[in-house]
C-alpha atoms as a PDB file:
ATOM      1  CA  MET A   1     -30.355   7.798 -57.985  1.00  0.00           C
ATOM      2  CA  ASN A   2     -33.495   8.366 -60.073  1.00  0.00           C
ATOM      3  CA  VAL A   3     -32.539   9.713 -63.511  1.00  0.00           C
ATOM      4  CA  HIS A   4     -35.979  11.305 -63.906  1.00  0.00           C
ATOM      5  CA  HIS A   5     -35.364  13.316 -60.728  1.00  0.00           C
ATOM      6  CA  LEU A   6     -32.100  14.535 -62.238  1.00  0.00           C
ATOM      7  CA  GLU A   7     -33.912  15.523 -65.432  1.00  0.00           C
ATOM      8  CA  LEU A   8     -36.488  17.527 -63.471  1.00  0.00           C
ATOM      9  CA  PHE A   9     -33.729  19.272 -61.528  1.00  0.00           C
ATOM     10  CA  TYR A  10     -31.962  20.074 -64.828  1.00  0.00           C
ATOM     11  CA  TYR A  11     -35.041  21.899 -66.136  1.00  0.00           C
ATOM     12  CA  VAL A  12     -35.621  23.691 -62.837  1.00  0.00           C
ATOM     13  CA  ALA A  13     -32.026  24.927 -62.814  1.00  0.00           C
ATOM     14  CA  LYS A  14     -32.057  25.801 -66.512  1.00  0.00           C
ATOM     15  CA  PHE A  15     -35.253  27.863 -66.310  1.00  0.00           C
ATOM     16  CA  GLU A  16     -34.494  29.192 -62.825  1.00  0.00           C
ATOM     17  CA  GLY A  17     -37.543  28.030 -60.951  1.00  0.00           C
ATOM     18  CA  ILE A  18     -40.101  25.252 -60.681  1.00  0.00           C
ATOM     19  CA  SER A  19     -43.062  27.180 -62.088  1.00  0.00           C
ATOM     20  CA  GLU A  20     -41.022  28.399 -65.076  1.00  0.00           C
ATOM     21  CA  ALA A  21     -39.699  24.889 -65.681  1.00  0.00           C
ATOM     22  CA  VAL A  22     -43.223  23.439 -65.688  1.00  0.00           C
ATOM     23  CA  ARG A  23     -44.233  25.947 -68.374  1.00  0.00           C
ATOM     24  CA  LYS A  24     -41.229  25.293 -70.605  1.00  0.00           C
ATOM     25  CA  MET A  25     -40.497  21.574 -70.229  1.00  0.00           C
ATOM     26  CA  PRO A  26     -41.097  19.546 -73.408  1.00  0.00           C
ATOM     27  CA  TYR A  27     -43.723  17.389 -71.664  1.00  0.00           C
ATOM     28  CA  GLY A  28     -46.579  18.041 -69.277  1.00  0.00           C
ATOM     29  CA  ILE A  29     -46.182  17.651 -65.526  1.00  0.00           C
ATOM     30  CA  GLN A  30     -47.848  19.343 -62.568  1.00  0.00           C
ATOM     31  CA  GLN A  31     -45.902  21.720 -60.333  1.00  0.00           C
ATOM     32  CA  PRO A  32     -46.586  19.743 -57.094  1.00  0.00           C
ATOM     33  CA  ALA A  33     -45.195  16.609 -58.739  1.00  0.00           C
ATOM     34  CA  VAL A  34     -41.996  18.426 -59.674  1.00  0.00           C
ATOM     35  CA  SER A  35     -41.642  19.899 -56.179  1.00  0.00           C
ATOM     36  CA  GLY A  36     -42.159  16.519 -54.567  1.00  0.00           C
ATOM     37  CA  GLN A  37     -39.611  14.740 -56.735  1.00  0.00           C
ATOM     38  CA  ILE A  38     -37.023  17.501 -56.263  1.00  0.00           C
ATOM     39  CA  LEU A  39     -37.475  17.127 -52.482  1.00  0.00           C
ATOM     40  CA  GLN A  40     -36.872  13.372 -52.850  1.00  0.00           C
ATOM     41  CA  LEU A  41     -33.647  14.104 -54.728  1.00  0.00           C
ATOM     42  CA  GLU A  42     -32.493  16.552 -52.034  1.00  0.00           C
ATOM     43  CA  LYS A  43     -33.356  14.007 -49.350  1.00  0.00           C
ATOM     44  CA  LEU A  44     -31.339  11.338 -51.149  1.00  0.00           C
ATOM     45  CA  LEU A  45     -28.330  13.635 -51.576  1.00  0.00           C
ATOM     46  CA  LYS A  46     -28.764  15.141 -48.086  1.00  0.00           C
ATOM     47  CA  VAL A  47     -28.168  18.664 -49.431  1.00  0.00           C
ATOM     48  CA  LYS A  48     -30.262  21.643 -50.473  1.00  0.00           C
ATOM     49  CA  LEU A  49     -29.915  22.182 -54.222  1.00  0.00           C
ATOM     50  CA  PHE A  50     -31.422  25.652 -54.572  1.00  0.00           C
ATOM     51  CA  HIS A  51     -33.095  28.489 -52.736  1.00  0.00           C
ATOM     52  CA  ARG A  52     -36.697  29.015 -53.782  1.00  0.00           C
ATOM     53  CA  ARG A  53     -37.294  32.792 -53.337  1.00  0.00           C
ATOM     54  CA  PRO A  54     -35.432  34.339 -54.996  1.00  0.00           C
ATOM     55  CA  PHE A  55     -34.222  31.413 -57.047  1.00  0.00           C
ATOM     56  CA  ALA A  56     -30.521  30.654 -56.692  1.00  0.00           C
ATOM     57  CA  LEU A  57     -28.572  27.430 -56.932  1.00  0.00           C
ATOM     58  CA  THR A  58     -26.550  26.412 -53.905  1.00  0.00           C
ATOM     59  CA  GLN A  59     -22.942  25.340 -54.414  1.00  0.00           C
ATOM     60  CA  ALA A  60     -24.084  21.716 -54.424  1.00  0.00           C
ATOM     61  CA  GLY A  61     -26.807  22.587 -56.930  1.00  0.00           C
ATOM     62  CA  GLU A  62     -24.305  24.272 -59.237  1.00  0.00           C
ATOM     63  CA  GLU A  63     -21.992  21.268 -59.090  1.00  0.00           C
ATOM     64  CA  LEU A  64     -24.824  18.868 -59.879  1.00  0.00           C
ATOM     65  CA  TYR A  65     -26.150  21.059 -62.715  1.00  0.00           C
ATOM     66  CA  ASP A  66     -22.679  21.394 -64.276  1.00  0.00           C
ATOM     67  CA  PHE A  67     -22.356  17.608 -64.170  1.00  0.00           C
ATOM     68  CA  ILE A  68     -25.730  16.692 -65.722  1.00  0.00           C
ATOM     69  CA  ALA A  69     -26.264  19.651 -68.101  1.00  0.00           C
ATOM     70  CA  PRO A  70     -23.970  18.395 -70.906  1.00  0.00           C
ATOM     71  CA  PHE A  71     -26.028  15.185 -71.083  1.00  0.00           C
ATOM     72  CA  PHE A  72     -29.565  16.543 -70.858  1.00  0.00           C
ATOM     73  CA  SER A  73     -28.895  19.637 -73.004  1.00  0.00           C
ATOM     74  CA  ARG A  74     -27.805  17.439 -75.902  1.00  0.00           C
ATOM     75  CA  LEU A  75     -30.626  14.887 -75.824  1.00  0.00           C
ATOM     76  CA  ASP A  76     -32.586  16.670 -78.572  1.00  0.00           C
ATOM     77  CA  GLN A  77     -29.441  16.975 -80.660  1.00  0.00           C
ATOM     78  CA  MET A  78     -28.689  13.292 -80.202  1.00  0.00           C
ATOM     79  CA  THR A  79     -32.256  12.390 -81.129  1.00  0.00           C
ATOM     80  CA  GLU A  80     -31.949  14.374 -84.356  1.00  0.00           C
ATOM     81  CA  GLN A  81     -28.593  12.796 -85.071  1.00  0.00           C
ATOM     82  CA  ILE A  82     -30.013   9.306 -84.647  1.00  0.00           C
ATOM     83  CA  ARG A  83     -32.847  10.244 -86.973  1.00  0.00           C
ATOM     84  CA  GLY A  84     -30.363  11.460 -89.558  1.00  0.00           C
ATOM     85  CA  GLU A  85     -31.509  15.100 -89.203  1.00  0.00           C
ATOM     86  CA  GLU A  86     -28.475  16.549 -87.412  1.00  0.00           C
ATOM     87  CA  ASN A  87     -27.267  18.409 -90.477  1.00  0.00           C
ATOM     88  CA  HIS A  88     -30.698  19.450 -91.687  1.00  0.00           C
ATOM     89  CA  HIS A  89     -31.723  21.643 -88.773  1.00  0.00           C
ATOM     90  CA  LEU A  90     -29.910  24.834 -87.777  1.00  0.00           C
ATOM     91  CA  ARG A  91     -30.835  26.853 -84.682  1.00  0.00           C
ATOM     92  CA  LEU A  92     -29.810  30.490 -84.949  1.00  0.00           C
ATOM     93  CA  ALA A  93     -29.913  33.452 -82.598  1.00  0.00           C
ATOM     94  CA  ALA A  94     -29.239  37.027 -83.677  1.00  0.00           C
ATOM     95  CA  SER A  95     -29.998  40.648 -82.934  1.00  0.00           C
ATOM     96  CA  ALA A  96     -32.715  42.459 -84.881  1.00  0.00           C
ATOM     97  CA  ALA A  97     -30.137  44.359 -86.943  1.00  0.00           C
ATOM     98  CA  ALA A  98     -28.363  41.149 -87.966  1.00  0.00           C
ATOM     99  CA  LEU A  99     -31.627  39.511 -89.003  1.00  0.00           C
ATOM    100  CA  THR A 100     -32.551  42.548 -91.130  1.00  0.00           C
ATOM    101  CA  HIS A 101     -29.367  43.300 -93.082  1.00  0.00           C
ATOM    102  CA  HIS A 102     -27.584  40.658 -95.217  1.00  0.00           C
ATOM    103  CA  PHE A 103     -28.593  37.729 -92.991  1.00  0.00           C
ATOM    104  CA  PRO A 104     -31.619  36.681 -95.118  1.00  0.00           C
ATOM    105  CA  GLU A 105     -29.396  36.516 -98.214  1.00  0.00           C
ATOM    106  CA  LEU A 106     -26.919  34.381 -96.276  1.00  0.00           C
ATOM    107  CA  LEU A 107     -29.638  31.910 -95.316  1.00  0.00           C
ATOM    108  CA  GLN A 108     -30.827  31.796 -98.938  1.00  0.00           C
ATOM    109  CA  LYS A 109     -27.359  30.713-100.049  1.00  0.00           C
ATOM    110  CA  LEU A 110     -27.265  27.970 -97.432  1.00  0.00           C
ATOM    111  CA  ARG A 111     -30.736  26.736 -98.310  1.00  0.00           C
ATOM    112  CA  ALA A 112     -29.754  26.616-101.987  1.00  0.00           C
ATOM    113  CA  GLU A 113     -26.963  24.197-100.998  1.00  0.00           C
ATOM    114  CA  VAL A 114     -29.163  22.177 -98.617  1.00  0.00           C
ATOM    115  CA  PRO A 115     -32.788  22.323 -99.865  1.00  0.00           C
ATOM    116  CA  THR A 116     -34.030  20.139 -96.984  1.00  0.00           C
ATOM    117  CA  LEU A 117     -32.553  22.489 -94.368  1.00  0.00           C
ATOM    118  CA  ARG A 118     -34.835  23.662 -91.548  1.00  0.00           C
ATOM    119  CA  PHE A 119     -34.123  26.914 -89.687  1.00  0.00           C
ATOM    120  CA  THR A 120     -35.045  27.963 -86.199  1.00  0.00           C
ATOM    121  CA  LEU A 121     -34.507  31.723 -85.835  1.00  0.00           C
ATOM    122  CA  ARG A 122     -34.658  33.636 -82.547  1.00  0.00           C
ATOM    123  CA  GLU A 123     -34.349  37.395 -82.303  1.00  0.00           C
ATOM    124  CA  LEU A 124     -32.566  38.166 -79.026  1.00  0.00           C
ATOM    125  CA  THR A 125     -30.588  40.939 -77.391  1.00  0.00           C
ATOM    126  CA  ASN A 126     -26.805  40.766 -77.396  1.00  0.00           C
ATOM    127  CA  VAL A 127     -26.766  39.437 -73.820  1.00  0.00           C
ATOM    128  CA  GLU A 128     -29.535  36.906 -74.489  1.00  0.00           C
ATOM    129  CA  VAL A 129     -27.706  35.286 -77.428  1.00  0.00           C
ATOM    130  CA  GLU A 130     -24.867  34.257 -75.129  1.00  0.00           C
ATOM    131  CA  ASP A 131     -27.358  32.753 -72.688  1.00  0.00           C
ATOM    132  CA  ALA A 132     -29.025  30.827 -75.531  1.00  0.00           C
ATOM    133  CA  LEU A 133     -25.679  29.336 -76.526  1.00  0.00           C
ATOM    134  CA  ARG A 134     -24.797  28.363 -72.951  1.00  0.00           C
ATOM    135  CA  LYS A 135     -28.142  26.609 -72.561  1.00  0.00           C
ATOM    136  CA  GLN A 136     -27.681  24.806 -75.896  1.00  0.00           C
ATOM    137  CA  GLU A 137     -30.757  26.538 -77.306  1.00  0.00           C
ATOM    138  CA  ALA A 138     -28.881  27.798 -80.387  1.00  0.00           C
ATOM    139  CA  ASP A 139     -26.114  26.331 -82.521  1.00  0.00           C
ATOM    140  CA  ILE A 140     -24.554  29.664 -83.449  1.00  0.00           C
ATOM    141  CA  ALA A 141     -25.363  33.339 -82.946  1.00  0.00           C
ATOM    142  CA  ILE A 142     -24.670  36.604 -84.750  1.00  0.00           C
ATOM    143  CA  ALA A 143     -23.758  39.215 -82.154  1.00  0.00           C
ATOM    144  CA  ILE A 144     -21.860  42.388 -81.338  1.00  0.00           C
ATOM    145  CA  LEU A 145     -18.343  41.563 -80.132  1.00  0.00           C
ATOM    146  CA  ASN A 146     -17.474  44.765 -78.268  1.00  0.00           C
ATOM    147  CA  ARG A 147     -17.350  43.036 -74.872  1.00  0.00           C
ATOM    148  CA  ARG A 148     -15.959  39.978 -73.131  1.00  0.00           C
ATOM    149  CA  PHE A 149     -17.882  36.729 -73.245  1.00  0.00           C
ATOM    150  CA  SER A 150     -18.142  33.935 -70.702  1.00  0.00           C
ATOM    151  CA  PRO A 151     -15.601  31.101 -70.721  1.00  0.00           C
ATOM    152  CA  GLY A 152     -16.605  28.499 -73.287  1.00  0.00           C
ATOM    153  CA  ILE A 153     -18.113  31.033 -75.701  1.00  0.00           C
ATOM    154  CA  LYS A 154     -15.941  31.346 -78.809  1.00  0.00           C
ATOM    155  CA  SER A 155     -16.142  34.284 -81.215  1.00  0.00           C
ATOM    156  CA  ILE A 156     -15.288  34.738 -84.896  1.00  0.00           C
ATOM    157  CA  LYS A 157     -15.035  38.330 -86.095  1.00  0.00           C
ATOM    158  CA  LEU A 158     -16.861  39.102 -89.330  1.00  0.00           C
ATOM    159  CA  LEU A 159     -16.832  42.840 -89.826  1.00  0.00           C
ATOM    160  CA  ASP A 160     -16.056  46.208 -88.270  1.00  0.00           C
ATOM    161  CA  ILE A 161     -18.889  48.648 -88.961  1.00  0.00           C
ATOM    162  CA  PRO A 162     -18.109  52.383 -88.634  1.00  0.00           C
ATOM    163  CA  LEU A 163     -20.299  54.538 -86.424  1.00  0.00           C
ATOM    164  CA  VAL A 164     -21.710  57.741 -87.890  1.00  0.00           C
ATOM    165  CA  ILE A 165     -23.811  60.714 -86.848  1.00  0.00           C
ATOM    166  CA  THR A 166     -26.870  61.447 -88.956  1.00  0.00           C
ATOM    167  CA  VAL A 167     -28.230  64.927 -89.663  1.00  0.00           C
ATOM    168  CA  PRO A 168     -31.302  66.103 -91.566  1.00  0.00           C
ATOM    169  CA  GLU A 169     -30.750  66.029 -95.315  1.00  0.00           C
ATOM    170  CA  ASP A 170     -30.992  69.823 -95.625  1.00  0.00           C
ATOM    171  CA  SER A 171     -28.648  70.513 -92.678  1.00  0.00           C
ATOM    172  CA  PRO A 172     -25.591  72.728 -93.399  1.00  0.00           C
ATOM    173  CA  ILE A 173     -23.485  70.319 -91.289  1.00  0.00           C
ATOM    174  CA  THR A 174     -21.057  68.337 -93.490  1.00  0.00           C
ATOM    175  CA  THR A 175     -18.282  67.220 -91.106  1.00  0.00           C
ATOM    176  CA  PHE A 176     -17.787  66.208 -87.500  1.00  0.00           C
ATOM    177  CA  ARG A 177     -15.717  69.366 -87.094  1.00  0.00           C
ATOM    178  CA  ASP A 178     -18.869  71.348 -87.890  1.00  0.00           C
ATOM    179  CA  ILE A 179     -20.634  69.532 -85.044  1.00  0.00           C
ATOM    180  CA  VAL A 180     -17.767  70.219 -82.634  1.00  0.00           C
ATOM    181  CA  SER A 181     -17.890  73.912 -83.560  1.00  0.00           C
ATOM    182  CA  MET A 182     -21.333  73.979 -81.931  1.00  0.00           C
ATOM    183  CA  ALA A 183     -19.829  72.953 -78.568  1.00  0.00           C
ATOM    184  CA  SER A 184     -19.584  75.275 -75.588  1.00  0.00           C
ATOM    185  CA  GLY A 185     -17.096  74.435 -72.856  1.00  0.00           C
ATOM    186  CA  GLY A 186     -16.576  70.973 -74.343  1.00  0.00           C
ATOM    187  CA  GLU A 187     -20.322  70.199 -74.421  1.00  0.00           C
ATOM    188  CA  ILE A 188     -22.135  69.804 -77.744  1.00  0.00           C
ATOM    189  CA  LEU A 189     -25.451  71.608 -77.452  1.00  0.00           C
ATOM    190  CA  GLN A 190     -27.296  70.160 -80.451  1.00  0.00           C
ATOM    191  CA  PRO A 191     -29.937  67.601 -79.332  1.00  0.00           C
ATOM    192  CA  LEU A 192     -28.651  64.019 -79.673  1.00  0.00           C
ATOM    193  CA  ILE A 193     -31.007  61.120 -80.391  1.00  0.00           C
ATOM    194  CA  SER A 194     -29.380  57.892 -79.259  1.00  0.00           C
ATOM    195  CA  LEU A 195     -29.960  54.293 -78.340  1.00  0.00           C
ATOM    196  CA  PRO A 196     -30.242  53.574 -74.578  1.00  0.00           C
ATOM    197  CA  LYS A 197     -26.979  53.856 -72.661  1.00  0.00           C
ATOM    198  CA  THR A 198     -26.852  50.094 -72.170  1.00  0.00           C
ATOM    199  CA  GLU A 199     -26.558  49.513 -75.926  1.00  0.00           C
ATOM    200  CA  PRO A 200     -23.070  48.977 -77.438  1.00  0.00           C
ATOM    201  CA  VAL A 201     -23.550  51.640 -80.136  1.00  0.00           C
ATOM    202  CA  ALA A 202     -24.381  54.294 -77.525  1.00  0.00           C
ATOM    203  CA  GLN A 203     -21.436  53.223 -75.375  1.00  0.00           C
ATOM    204  CA  LEU A 204     -18.994  53.389 -78.300  1.00  0.00           C
ATOM    205  CA  ILE A 205     -20.229  56.859 -79.262  1.00  0.00           C
ATOM    206  CA  GLN A 206     -19.674  58.092 -75.721  1.00  0.00           C
ATOM    207  CA  ARG A 207     -16.230  56.472 -75.617  1.00  0.00           C
ATOM    208  CA  GLY A 208     -15.246  58.322 -78.791  1.00  0.00           C
ATOM    209  CA  LEU A 209     -16.543  61.621 -77.404  1.00  0.00           C
ATOM    210  CA  THR A 210     -14.583  61.114 -74.182  1.00  0.00           C
ATOM    211  CA  ALA A 211     -11.411  60.532 -76.216  1.00  0.00           C
ATOM    212  CA  LYS A 212     -12.030  63.953 -77.793  1.00  0.00           C
ATOM    213  CA  ASN A 213     -12.703  65.560 -74.387  1.00  0.00           C
ATOM    214  CA  LEU A 214     -16.266  66.229 -75.470  1.00  0.00           C
ATOM    215  CA  ARG A 215     -19.630  65.738 -73.741  1.00  0.00           C
ATOM    216  CA  TRP A 216     -22.852  65.102 -75.627  1.00  0.00           C
ATOM    217  CA  GLU A 217     -25.697  63.805 -73.520  1.00  0.00           C
ATOM    218  CA  PRO A 218     -28.704  62.323 -75.367  1.00  0.00           C
ATOM    219  CA  SER A 219     -31.895  64.350 -75.283  1.00  0.00           C
ATOM    220  CA  MET A 220     -33.876  61.343 -76.563  1.00  0.00           C
ATOM    221  CA  GLU A 221     -33.242  57.610 -76.136  1.00  0.00           C
ATOM    222  CA  ILE A 222     -34.930  55.303 -78.654  1.00  0.00           C
ATOM    223  CA  THR A 223     -34.539  51.521 -78.892  1.00  0.00           C
ATOM    224  CA  GLU A 224     -34.343  51.189 -82.710  1.00  0.00           C
ATOM    225  CA  LEU A 225     -31.798  52.770 -85.047  1.00  0.00           C
ATOM    226  CA  ASN A 226     -34.334  53.032 -87.888  1.00  0.00           C
ATOM    227  CA  LEU A 227     -36.709  54.961 -85.654  1.00  0.00           C
ATOM    228  CA  ILE A 228     -33.917  57.311 -84.602  1.00  0.00           C
ATOM    229  CA  GLN A 229     -33.407  58.270 -88.248  1.00  0.00           C
ATOM    230  CA  ARG A 230     -37.082  59.114 -88.635  1.00  0.00           C
ATOM    231  CA  TYR A 231     -36.827  61.583 -85.762  1.00  0.00           C
ATOM    232  CA  VAL A 232     -33.645  63.033 -87.256  1.00  0.00           C
ATOM    233  CA  ALA A 233     -35.367  63.495 -90.622  1.00  0.00           C
ATOM    234  CA  LYS A 234     -38.160  65.395 -88.842  1.00  0.00           C
ATOM    235  CA  GLY A 235     -35.618  67.813 -87.354  1.00  0.00           C
ATOM    236  CA  PHE A 236     -35.648  66.704 -83.697  1.00  0.00           C
ATOM    237  CA  GLY A 237     -31.854  66.572 -83.524  1.00  0.00           C
ATOM    238  CA  PHE A 238     -28.825  64.602 -84.701  1.00  0.00           C
ATOM    239  CA  GLY A 239     -28.777  60.827 -84.396  1.00  0.00           C
ATOM    240  CA  VAL A 240     -26.426  57.906 -83.846  1.00  0.00           C
ATOM    241  CA  ALA A 241     -26.204  55.329 -86.624  1.00  0.00           C
ATOM    242  CA  VAL A 242     -23.995  52.671 -88.189  1.00  0.00           C
ATOM    243  CA  ASN A 243     -22.685  52.686 -91.750  1.00  0.00           C
ATOM    244  CA  ILE A 244     -23.533  49.140 -92.828  1.00  0.00           C
ATOM    245  CA  PRO A 245     -21.805  48.226 -96.122  1.00  0.00           C
ATOM    246  CA  GLY A 246     -24.278  47.745 -98.944  1.00  0.00           C
ATOM    247  CA  VAL A 247     -27.160  49.365 -97.035  1.00  0.00           C
ATOM    248  CA  PRO A 248     -28.213  52.852 -98.242  1.00  0.00           C
ATOM    249  CA  SER A 249     -28.788  55.717 -95.821  1.00  0.00           C
ATOM    250  CA  ASP A 250     -32.294  56.266 -94.498  1.00  0.00           C
ATOM    251  CA  LYS A 251     -34.430  58.737 -96.404  1.00  0.00           C
ATOM    252  CA  GLY A 252     -34.266  62.312 -95.211  1.00  0.00           C
ATOM    253  CA  VAL A 253     -30.898  62.035 -93.445  1.00  0.00           C
ATOM    254  CA  ARG A 254     -27.210  62.303 -94.293  1.00  0.00           C
ATOM    255  CA  GLN A 255     -24.362  60.455 -92.594  1.00  0.00           C
ATOM    256  CA  ILE A 256     -21.458  62.343 -91.028  1.00  0.00           C
ATOM    257  CA  LYS A 257     -18.236  60.346 -90.750  1.00  0.00           C
ATOM    258  CA  LEU A 258     -16.602  60.204 -87.337  1.00  0.00           C
ATOM    259  CA  PRO A 259     -12.863  60.402 -86.545  1.00  0.00           C
ATOM    260  CA  THR A 260     -10.911  57.175 -86.047  1.00  0.00           C
ATOM    261  CA  THR A 261     -10.957  57.791 -82.275  1.00  0.00           C
ATOM    262  CA  PHE A 262     -14.527  56.453 -82.363  1.00  0.00           C
ATOM    263  CA  PRO A 263     -14.301  52.632 -82.140  1.00  0.00           C
ATOM    264  CA  PRO A 264     -16.190  50.646 -84.788  1.00  0.00           C
ATOM    265  CA  LEU A 265     -18.985  48.211 -84.023  1.00  0.00           C
ATOM    266  CA  SER A 266     -17.558  44.694 -84.333  1.00  0.00           C
ATOM    267  CA  ILE A 267     -19.975  42.039 -85.599  1.00  0.00           C
ATOM    268  CA  GLY A 268     -19.218  38.334 -85.411  1.00  0.00           C
ATOM    269  CA  ILE A 269     -20.367  34.791 -84.840  1.00  0.00           C
ATOM    270  CA  LEU A 270     -20.537  33.099 -81.447  1.00  0.00           C
ATOM    271  CA  HIS A 271     -20.517  29.368 -80.772  1.00  0.00           C
ATOM    272  CA  THR A 272     -19.524  26.955 -78.011  1.00  0.00           C
ATOM    273  CA  GLY A 273     -16.897  25.014 -79.965  1.00  0.00           C
ATOM    274  CA  ASN A 274     -16.936  22.253 -82.583  1.00  0.00           C
ATOM    275  CA  PRO A 275     -20.048  23.455 -84.445  1.00  0.00           C
ATOM    276  CA  LYS A 276     -21.901  20.797 -86.383  1.00  0.00           C
ATOM    277  CA  ARG A 277     -21.297  20.577 -90.115  1.00  0.00           C
ATOM    278  CA  ILE A 278     -24.243  22.695 -91.273  1.00  0.00           C
ATOM    279  CA  ALA A 279     -23.394  25.403 -88.721  1.00  0.00           C
ATOM    280  CA  GLN A 280     -19.774  25.423 -89.889  1.00  0.00           C
ATOM    281  CA  ARG A 281     -20.955  25.870 -93.469  1.00  0.00           C
ATOM    282  CA  LEU A 282     -22.969  28.930 -92.471  1.00  0.00           C
ATOM    283  CA  ILE A 283     -19.889  30.301 -90.688  1.00  0.00           C
ATOM    284  CA  ASP A 284     -17.845  29.841 -93.880  1.00  0.00           C
ATOM    285  CA  LEU A 285     -20.498  31.578 -95.991  1.00  0.00           C
ATOM    286  CA  ALA A 286     -20.690  34.436 -93.478  1.00  0.00           C
ATOM    287  CA  LEU A 287     -16.912  34.924 -93.594  1.00  0.00           C
ATOM    288  CA  ASP A 288     -17.010  34.991 -97.413  1.00  0.00           C
ATOM    289  CA  GLN A 289     -19.830  37.540 -97.430  1.00  0.00           C
ATOM    290  CA  ALA A 290     -18.090  39.675 -94.795  1.00  0.00           C
ATOM    291  CA  SER A 291     -14.953  39.711 -96.941  1.00  0.00           C
ATOM    292  CA  LEU A 292     -16.945  40.911 -99.955  1.00  0.00           C
ATOM    293  CA  LEU A 293     -18.651  43.614 -97.893  1.00  0.00           C
ATOM    294  CA  GLN A 294     -15.294  44.756 -96.522  1.00  0.00           C
ATOM    295  CA  LYS A 295     -13.929  45.108-100.055  1.00  0.00           C
ATOM    296  CA  LYS A 296     -17.045  47.017-101.110  1.00  0.00           C
ATOM    297  CA  LYS A 297     -16.669  49.347 -98.132  1.00  0.00           C
ATOM    298  CA  GLY A 298     -13.036  49.970 -99.104  1.00  0.00           C
ATOM    299  CA  LYS A 299     -14.077  51.014-102.600  1.00  0.00           C
ATOM    300  CA  GLU A 300     -16.697  53.406-101.205  1.00  0.00           C
ATOM    301  CA  LEU A 301     -14.148  55.203 -98.981  1.00  0.00           C
END
């Protein structure tokens, strides 16, 4: 069996298609050449490895990919290890919120310990970070933990962040009870500015409302929490937000605490097991910083 054919199939399966694989492979090769060599591999094995349109691995293709992926996905890592760079390069994936708050300070601490350290940072959605780990494209990820992850993905909880509702700074509203008093027939009538319904924060808010037998449908859906607060400050409605320890409220808005029936947003670290030494050190630093933030939050309450 030609090992190069297996390598080409690995990239095709990883990037879910021949044309996408050609664009993202670490070396140049023409699409017809890839197609031809994949056909040779299928002819040798006497099985079809994947359906072309839409792309989907066959059972045989999945079995072959699962067998060869651990080898090919770690070639770059092995190359770095041989070069003595394994613990001087850290590949990170995180959501936009994680990259904005506290994460830069965390990386500064790590770089102070390892001045030669190189970072690769990727801003991804919460679903994409898991995919990056599975494909060995990131060493560790900072993600929201309010859902189940695929087998093989391990999580370490860092912090529970309370959800809040924001109101304009000059609003007479001071408590969640004041908001509920505006409800009619169990439905809160004040306009709600929220993240899209697919986002964990929006889902947790709705779960807390359901526990209170309340309905509050968003009148506006915006993809960034910071932008939501700008609309709240301008008087377009009340907004969803998170009370991140050590991060002041946005200008022009006030935070309204929610009852304990509203689940917190759990933030943590994801990895695939046995992280390399430099990744483990970042995990340790993150746990230390999370502990300090938790203590600071306790003092603020």
